[in-house]
Protein backbone atom coordinates (compact mmCIF):
# COMPACT_ATOMS: atom_id res chain seq x y z
CA MET A 1 0.23 0.03 0.36
CA ARG A 2 1.14 3.84 -0.51
CA ASP A 3 1.65 6.63 2.31
CA LEU A 4 -0.45 9.29 2.21
CA GLY A 5 2.34 11.62 4.29
CA LYS A 6 3.08 13.34 7.52
CA HIS A 7 -0.03 11.09 8.66
CA ASN A 8 1.14 7.54 7.44
CA LEU A 9 -2.00 6.80 6.44
CA LYS A 10 -2.67 3.91 3.81
CA VAL A 11 -4.85 3.81 0.11
CA VAL A 12 -6.99 1.26 1.33
CA SER A 13 -9.11 -1.05 -0.50
CA THR A 14 -13.23 -0.38 -0.87
CA PHE A 15 -15.11 -4.03 0.16
CA TYR A 16 -18.87 -4.13 -0.12
CA THR A 17 -21.09 -6.06 1.74
CA LYS A 18 -23.24 -8.58 0.08
CA ASP A 19 -25.76 -6.06 -0.52
CA GLY A 20 -23.74 -4.01 -1.92
CA THR A 21 -22.61 -1.62 0.45
CA ALA A 22 -19.19 0.39 -0.28
CA PHE A 23 -16.97 0.72 2.74
CA LYS A 24 -13.22 1.06 3.63
CA THR A 25 -11.78 0.41 7.01
CA TYR A 26 -8.33 1.41 9.29
CA GLY A 27 -6.20 -0.14 11.82
CA ASP A 28 -6.87 -3.17 13.55
CA LYS A 29 -7.57 -1.73 17.44
CA ALA A 30 -10.15 -3.52 19.93
CA SER A 31 -12.80 -0.66 19.66
CA SER A 32 -14.20 0.50 16.52
CA LEU A 33 -15.31 4.28 15.21
CA ILE A 34 -17.72 4.30 12.41
CA PHE A 35 -18.39 8.06 10.71
CA ILE A 36 -21.66 8.43 8.58
CA HIS A 37 -21.54 11.40 5.56
CA GLY A 38 -24.19 14.05 4.75
CA VAL A 39 -26.26 14.19 1.81
CA GLY A 40 -24.36 14.58 -1.52
CA MET A 41 -20.61 13.15 0.03
CA ARG A 42 -19.35 9.75 0.35
CA GLY A 43 -16.94 7.87 2.97
CA ASP A 44 -14.14 10.06 2.18
CA VAL A 45 -15.03 13.14 3.08
CA TRP A 46 -14.01 11.93 7.18
CA THR A 47 -10.49 11.50 5.44
CA PRO A 48 -9.31 14.23 8.64
CA GLN A 49 -11.14 11.78 11.01
CA VAL A 50 -9.51 8.70 9.56
CA GLU A 51 -5.73 10.74 9.76
CA TYR A 52 -6.38 11.64 13.26
CA PHE A 53 -8.61 8.29 14.70
CA SER A 54 -7.00 5.65 13.17
CA ASN A 55 -4.32 4.75 15.56
CA ASP A 56 -6.51 4.47 18.47
CA TYR A 57 -9.31 2.75 16.85
CA GLN A 58 -10.92 0.79 13.95
CA VAL A 59 -12.00 3.18 12.01
CA ILE A 60 -14.65 2.17 9.73
CA THR A 61 -16.50 4.43 6.49
CA TYR A 62 -18.90 3.87 3.93
CA ASP A 63 -20.94 5.49 1.60
CA PHE A 64 -24.72 5.80 2.30
CA LEU A 65 -27.10 4.61 -0.24
CA GLY A 66 -27.61 6.28 -2.87
CA HIS A 67 -23.79 7.87 -2.36
CA GLY A 68 -20.46 7.11 -4.13
CA GLU A 69 -20.26 3.07 -4.85
CA SER A 70 -23.67 2.08 -2.79
CA PRO A 71 -26.31 1.17 -3.81
CA LEU A 72 -29.61 3.89 -4.83
CA PRO A 73 -32.42 3.56 -1.83
CA PRO A 74 -35.99 3.30 -2.61
CA GLU A 75 -37.41 5.48 -4.95
CA GLU A 76 -39.71 6.66 -1.32
CA PRO A 77 -36.94 5.63 1.12
CA ILE A 78 -37.52 6.15 5.04
CA LEU A 79 -35.16 6.62 7.65
CA ASP A 80 -34.81 2.58 8.35
CA ASP A 81 -34.31 1.76 5.20
CA TYR A 82 -30.10 3.35 6.18
CA VAL A 83 -30.42 2.90 9.94
CA GLU A 84 -30.64 -0.73 8.28
CA GLN A 85 -28.20 -0.59 5.75
CA LEU A 86 -25.12 0.10 8.30
CA ASN A 87 -26.94 -2.38 11.06
CA ASN A 88 -25.67 -5.09 8.09
CA LEU A 89 -22.82 -3.43 7.90
CA LEU A 90 -21.88 -4.12 11.63
CA LYS A 91 -23.20 -8.04 10.95
CA HIS A 92 -20.70 -8.24 7.75
CA LEU A 93 -17.65 -7.02 10.35
CA ASP A 94 -18.63 -8.87 13.00
CA LEU A 95 -19.34 -5.84 15.47
CA SER A 96 -21.73 -5.78 18.45
CA LEU A 97 -20.52 -2.06 19.95
CA ILE A 98 -19.62 0.73 17.71
CA SER A 99 -18.53 4.45 18.81
CA LEU A 100 -20.80 6.13 16.10
CA VAL A 101 -20.18 9.87 14.65
CA GLY A 102 -22.52 11.10 12.09
CA HIS A 103 -22.87 14.44 10.14
CA SER A 104 -25.83 15.57 8.93
CA MET A 105 -28.26 13.38 7.53
CA GLY A 106 -25.93 10.37 9.24
CA ALA A 107 -26.37 12.41 11.77
CA LEU A 108 -29.91 11.84 11.65
CA ILE A 109 -29.02 8.08 10.53
CA SER A 110 -26.75 7.90 14.01
CA VAL A 111 -29.58 9.00 16.30
CA ALA A 112 -32.46 6.92 14.59
CA PHE A 113 -29.91 3.56 14.85
CA ALA A 114 -28.94 3.88 18.72
CA LEU A 115 -32.48 4.53 19.27
CA ARG A 116 -33.09 1.10 17.24
CA TYR A 117 -30.25 -0.55 18.31
CA PRO A 118 -29.30 0.55 21.95
CA ASP A 119 -26.86 -2.27 22.91
CA LYS A 120 -25.07 -1.46 20.16
CA VAL A 121 -23.58 2.22 20.36
CA LYS A 122 -21.06 3.32 23.13
CA ALA A 123 -21.29 6.76 22.44
CA LEU A 124 -22.54 9.07 19.48
CA VAL A 125 -21.74 11.89 18.22
CA PRO A 126 -24.01 14.12 15.59
CA ILE A 127 -22.74 16.96 13.67
CA ASN A 128 -24.93 19.16 12.43
CA ILE A 129 -27.97 17.78 12.91
CA ALA A 130 -31.34 19.18 12.05
CA PHE A 131 -33.90 18.65 14.76
CA ASN A 132 -37.38 20.23 14.54
CA ARG A 133 -37.20 23.39 11.78
CA SER A 134 -40.08 26.22 11.03
CA GLU A 135 -42.31 25.36 8.38
CA GLU A 136 -40.79 28.06 6.35
CA ALA A 137 -37.30 26.21 6.94
CA GLN A 138 -38.37 22.68 5.64
CA LYS A 139 -40.80 23.54 3.01
CA GLY A 140 -36.96 25.03 1.77
CA VAL A 141 -35.36 22.03 1.74
CA LEU A 142 -38.16 19.82 0.57
CA ASN A 143 -38.17 22.56 -2.71
CA ARG A 144 -34.87 22.02 -3.65
CA ALA A 145 -35.13 18.04 -3.45
CA ASN A 146 -37.91 17.92 -5.19
CA GLN A 147 -36.35 20.65 -7.88
CA ILE A 148 -33.46 17.56 -8.24
CA LEU A 149 -35.74 14.78 -7.88
CA GLN A 150 -37.71 16.33 -11.19
CA THR A 151 -34.49 17.65 -12.89
CA ASN A 152 -32.14 15.01 -12.52
CA LYS A 153 -29.75 17.34 -11.87
CA ILE A 154 -28.29 18.59 -8.41
CA LEU A 155 -28.27 22.27 -8.97
CA ASN A 156 -27.11 24.98 -7.01
CA ILE A 157 -23.67 23.73 -6.31
CA GLU A 158 -22.61 27.31 -5.34
CA GLN A 159 -25.37 28.72 -2.77
CA THR A 160 -24.77 25.03 -1.09
CA LEU A 161 -20.91 25.34 -1.23
CA GLU A 162 -21.33 29.15 0.06
CA ARG A 163 -23.99 27.88 3.18
CA TRP A 164 -21.43 24.98 3.90
CA PHE A 165 -18.28 26.72 3.82
CA LYS A 166 -19.75 30.47 5.45
CA ASN A 167 -15.62 32.57 5.73
CA LYS A 168 -14.10 30.31 4.12
CA THR A 169 -11.14 31.61 2.03
CA SER A 170 -7.51 30.66 2.85
CA ALA A 171 -5.75 29.02 0.49
CA ASP A 172 -5.99 25.30 2.06
CA ASP A 173 -9.82 26.45 2.34
CA LEU A 174 -10.14 26.91 -1.29
CA LYS A 175 -8.51 23.40 -2.05
CA LYS A 176 -10.89 21.54 0.69
CA ILE A 177 -14.04 23.13 -0.67
CA ASP A 178 -12.75 21.82 -4.20
CA LYS A 179 -12.74 19.07 -3.33
CA VAL A 180 -15.90 18.86 -2.03
CA ARG A 181 -17.51 21.11 -5.32
CA LYS A 182 -16.21 17.39 -6.99
CA TRP A 183 -17.58 15.47 -4.69
CA LEU A 184 -21.35 17.24 -5.23
CA ALA A 185 -20.44 16.96 -9.45
CA ASP A 186 -20.06 13.76 -9.96
CA ALA A 187 -22.78 12.02 -6.96
CA SER A 188 -25.91 10.79 -8.41
CA PRO A 189 -29.21 13.09 -8.72
CA GLN A 190 -31.27 10.18 -7.77
CA GLY A 191 -29.25 9.36 -4.89
CA TYR A 192 -28.71 12.55 -3.82
CA GLY A 193 -32.22 13.62 -4.10
CA ARG A 194 -34.20 10.93 -2.87
CA ALA A 195 -31.65 11.07 0.36
CA TYR A 196 -32.50 15.13 0.21
CA ARG A 197 -36.11 14.54 0.48
CA LEU A 198 -36.03 12.39 3.35
CA PHE A 199 -33.50 14.85 5.09
CA ALA A 200 -36.33 17.46 5.02
CA LEU A 201 -39.25 15.35 6.14
CA SER A 202 -36.95 13.66 8.94
CA ASP A 203 -36.39 16.20 11.18
CA LYS A 204 -39.00 16.07 13.42
CA VAL A 205 -38.89 11.86 13.70
CA PHE A 206 -37.13 12.28 17.15
CA LEU A 207 -39.47 14.26 18.92
CA ASN A 208 -40.43 12.59 22.14
CA LYS A 209 -38.07 10.37 21.49
CA LEU A 210 -35.16 11.50 22.42
CA SER A 211 -35.23 10.50 26.09
CA ARG A 212 -34.71 6.70 25.66
CA LEU A 213 -31.42 7.11 23.62
CA ARG A 214 -29.23 5.36 26.16
CA PRO A 215 -25.75 6.10 25.20
CA PRO A 216 -23.88 8.95 26.15
CA VAL A 217 -24.50 11.79 22.98
CA LEU A 218 -22.73 15.18 21.98
CA TYR A 219 -24.46 17.03 19.81
CA LEU A 220 -21.76 18.98 17.55
CA THR A 221 -22.65 22.29 15.58
CA GLY A 222 -21.61 25.44 14.40
CA ASP A 223 -22.84 29.19 15.55
CA GLU A 224 -22.58 29.91 11.79
CA ASP A 225 -24.67 26.58 10.60
CA PRO A 226 -28.00 28.26 9.07
CA ASN A 227 -29.89 24.74 8.78
CA SER A 228 -27.92 23.09 12.10
CA THR A 229 -28.17 25.86 14.74
CA SER A 230 -26.81 25.81 18.17
CA ALA A 231 -30.44 26.41 19.54
CA MET A 232 -31.63 22.53 17.75
CA SER A 233 -28.29 20.81 19.14
CA GLN A 234 -28.96 22.32 22.76
CA GLN A 235 -33.05 21.38 23.05
CA MET A 236 -31.81 17.28 21.69
CA ALA A 237 -29.01 17.91 25.04
CA LYS A 238 -31.85 19.03 26.87
CA GLU A 239 -34.13 16.39 25.85
CA THR A 240 -31.20 13.73 26.13
CA PRO A 241 -30.47 11.15 29.48
CA ASN A 242 -26.85 11.95 28.94
CA GLY A 243 -26.88 14.04 26.72
CA SER A 244 -24.62 17.71 25.88
CA SER A 245 -24.00 20.11 22.47
CA ASN A 246 -21.16 22.47 22.03
CA SER A 247 -21.26 25.20 19.31
CA LEU A 248 -18.19 26.35 17.62
CA ILE A 249 -17.60 29.75 17.15
CA GLY A 250 -17.31 30.40 13.29
CA GLU A 251 -17.90 27.61 12.04
CA ALA A 252 -20.67 26.22 9.56
CA HIS A 253 -21.54 23.14 8.06
CA MET A 254 -19.00 21.39 6.40
CA MET A 255 -16.53 21.94 9.97
CA SER A 256 -15.49 18.54 10.26
CA TYR A 257 -14.04 18.23 7.02
CA ILE A 258 -12.34 21.85 6.66
CA THR A 259 -12.09 22.48 10.36
CA SER A 260 -10.72 18.96 11.64
CA ASP A 261 -8.04 20.45 13.99
CA LYS A 262 -10.68 22.27 15.66
CA VAL A 263 -13.20 19.02 15.45
CA ASN A 264 -12.06 15.98 16.11
CA PRO A 265 -9.98 16.59 19.37
CA ILE A 266 -13.36 17.96 21.23
CA ILE A 267 -14.88 14.11 19.49
CA LYS A 268 -12.09 12.31 21.26
CA GLN A 269 -12.02 14.04 24.29
CA PHE A 270 -15.67 12.98 24.73
CA PHE A 271 -15.07 9.72 23.52
CA MET A 272 -12.38 9.27 26.19
CA ASP A 273 -14.88 11.19 28.51
CA SER A 274 -17.52 8.15 27.80
CA GLU A 275 -14.99 5.45 28.60
CA LYS A 276 -14.50 6.67 31.92
CA GLU A 277 -17.67 6.92 33.25
CA ASN A 278 -18.54 3.60 31.12
CA PRO A 279 -15.45 1.33 31.60
CA ASP A 280 -17.05 -1.93 31.41
CA GLU A 281 -19.04 -1.21 27.55
């Protein structure tokens, strides 16, 4: 395998479950950590986290339905389709207990998974999660999703990037943004549109359910994210028995990718603290 440089991260092969889910694994530690990307992205968006965490965990990234190299979801998917995709991945890898990090749509999947399979999640970090949007905000997201499905084209990529990467203008930032631009441009319009429509309709799915979450949960967002706001994360943390929230100043929707140097240590400390509080899990 070829060395990628200062982080000593290796190029690894993509593997597939029997139902076609594309995934990669890094490291061979006893503790497993799975990352779930958001709409329009793919598992490779977690490269900064793979570099940071793979010395301490077996890190697993995968392409959720309709993204990257994984198969399309049904025409009218439900959140459980994505939850069961993850559960089938765990079965394929013979994993019974994981730590879990999800971003945006991946954050919704991660919470839904922890509610359905509480004994399989050691600790959970939903990043930039949307919760109980206003009717107007939900209508805006739904309209964008329906436009993509109707035109079979991913529209308004530049506006999306502006919203995701607010005030990020350094040369290094622009290189990262260009990579995300390419991932968006290469994404399947049907995979994107179906997931995005579900994303638009799922922000209220956890109302009156978060009290059932059993693992420690850290809701992490940025104070410049207009759609996955600090208030949303704070409210979810309030309703979660072992929940907390953190809002990063000056960060927007794609902070886990663009400013991983801020995000990763927070996640690591949370997992370390959770381990101390629950040493037998």
